[in-house]
């Protein structure tokens, strides 16, 4: 992914997107809350979406680090299917 400024935008209809700030390309991430979940979250949907995006970025970084470590390991690493 190229280094560009990203923004989280609440589209107001239960949808929150992560997109590049400098162009009109397709959003990188879309989170859609149902009407029922929006009622449950009250006015906190954007905060929940931010936490979800942050958790996703952290998980992706951890996976990338694990893959890098596995590729440099000399012994085979056992994998667990979930």
Protein backbone atom coordinates (compact mmCIF):
# COMPACT_ATOMS: atom_id res chain seq x y z
CA UNK A 1 0.00 0.00 0.00
CA UNK A 2 1.39 3.39 -0.91
CA UNK A 3 2.01 5.94 1.82
CA UNK A 4 -0.89 8.36 1.62
CA UNK A 5 -3.10 10.19 4.07
CA UNK A 6 -6.08 8.08 5.15
CA UNK A 7 -9.34 9.27 6.63
CA UNK A 8 -12.23 7.61 8.40
CA UNK A 9 -15.56 8.97 7.17
CA UNK A 10 -19.00 8.43 8.69
CA UNK A 11 -21.40 8.41 5.75
CA UNK A 12 -24.36 8.87 8.10
CA UNK A 13 -26.36 5.86 6.97
CA UNK A 14 -24.73 3.32 9.25
CA UNK A 15 -21.71 3.04 6.99
CA UNK A 16 -18.19 4.10 7.95
CA UNK A 17 -15.34 3.93 5.44
CA UNK A 18 -11.56 4.14 5.53
CA UNK A 19 -10.36 5.86 2.38
CA UNK A 20 -7.47 7.75 0.91
CA UNK A 21 -7.91 11.46 1.55
CA UNK A 22 -6.32 12.54 -1.73
CA UNK A 23 -8.45 10.68 -4.30
CA UNK A 24 -11.93 9.35 -5.04
CA UNK A 25 -10.97 5.68 -5.40
CA UNK A 26 -12.92 2.87 -3.80
CA UNK A 27 -12.74 2.81 0.04
CA UNK A 28 -10.09 0.53 1.52
CA UNK A 29 -12.43 -0.65 4.31
CA UNK A 30 -16.20 -0.40 4.68
CA UNK A 31 -18.01 -1.05 7.96
CA UNK A 32 -21.80 -1.19 7.82
CA UNK A 33 -23.91 -1.18 10.99
CA UNK A 34 -27.46 -2.50 10.84
CA UNK A 35 -30.32 -0.34 12.12
CA UNK A 36 -30.55 -2.57 15.19
CA UNK A 37 -26.85 -2.20 16.02
CA UNK A 38 -26.99 1.57 15.42
CA UNK A 39 -29.76 1.82 18.03
CA UNK A 40 -27.69 -0.28 20.42
CA UNK A 41 -24.55 1.81 19.82
CA UNK A 42 -26.49 5.09 20.05
CA UNK A 43 -24.13 7.82 18.81
CA UNK A 44 -20.97 5.76 19.28
CA UNK A 45 -20.84 3.98 15.91
CA UNK A 46 -17.90 6.05 14.66
CA UNK A 47 -15.88 5.29 17.80
CA UNK A 48 -16.61 1.57 17.45
CA UNK A 49 -15.63 1.67 13.77
CA UNK A 50 -12.36 3.43 14.66
CA UNK A 51 -11.59 0.70 17.22
CA UNK A 52 -12.40 -2.00 14.65
CA UNK A 53 -10.11 -0.42 12.05
CA UNK A 54 -7.29 -0.01 14.58
CA UNK A 55 -7.64 -3.66 15.66
CA UNK A 56 -7.55 -4.75 12.01
CA UNK A 57 -4.38 -2.77 11.31
CA UNK A 58 -2.71 -4.22 14.42
CA UNK A 59 -3.73 -7.76 13.44
CA UNK A 60 -2.41 -7.26 9.89
CA UNK A 61 0.91 -5.97 11.25
CA UNK A 62 1.22 -8.94 13.61
CA UNK A 63 0.46 -11.38 10.79
CA UNK A 64 3.03 -9.70 8.52
CA UNK A 65 5.63 -9.89 11.29
CA UNK A 66 4.85 -13.57 11.89
CA UNK A 67 5.13 -14.36 8.17
CA UNK A 68 8.47 -12.54 8.02
CA UNK A 69 9.78 -14.47 11.01
CA UNK A 70 8.59 -17.77 9.53
CA UNK A 71 10.27 -17.04 6.22
CA UNK A 72 13.62 -16.51 7.96
CA UNK A 73 13.28 -19.48 10.34
CA UNK A 74 15.39 -22.54 9.60
CA UNK A 75 13.00 -25.02 11.19
CA UNK A 76 9.50 -25.65 9.88
CA UNK A 77 6.78 -24.01 11.95
CA UNK A 78 3.62 -25.97 12.69
CA UNK A 79 0.42 -24.22 11.72
CA UNK A 80 -3.03 -24.46 13.30
CA UNK A 81 -6.16 -24.22 11.19
CA UNK A 82 -9.05 -22.42 12.89
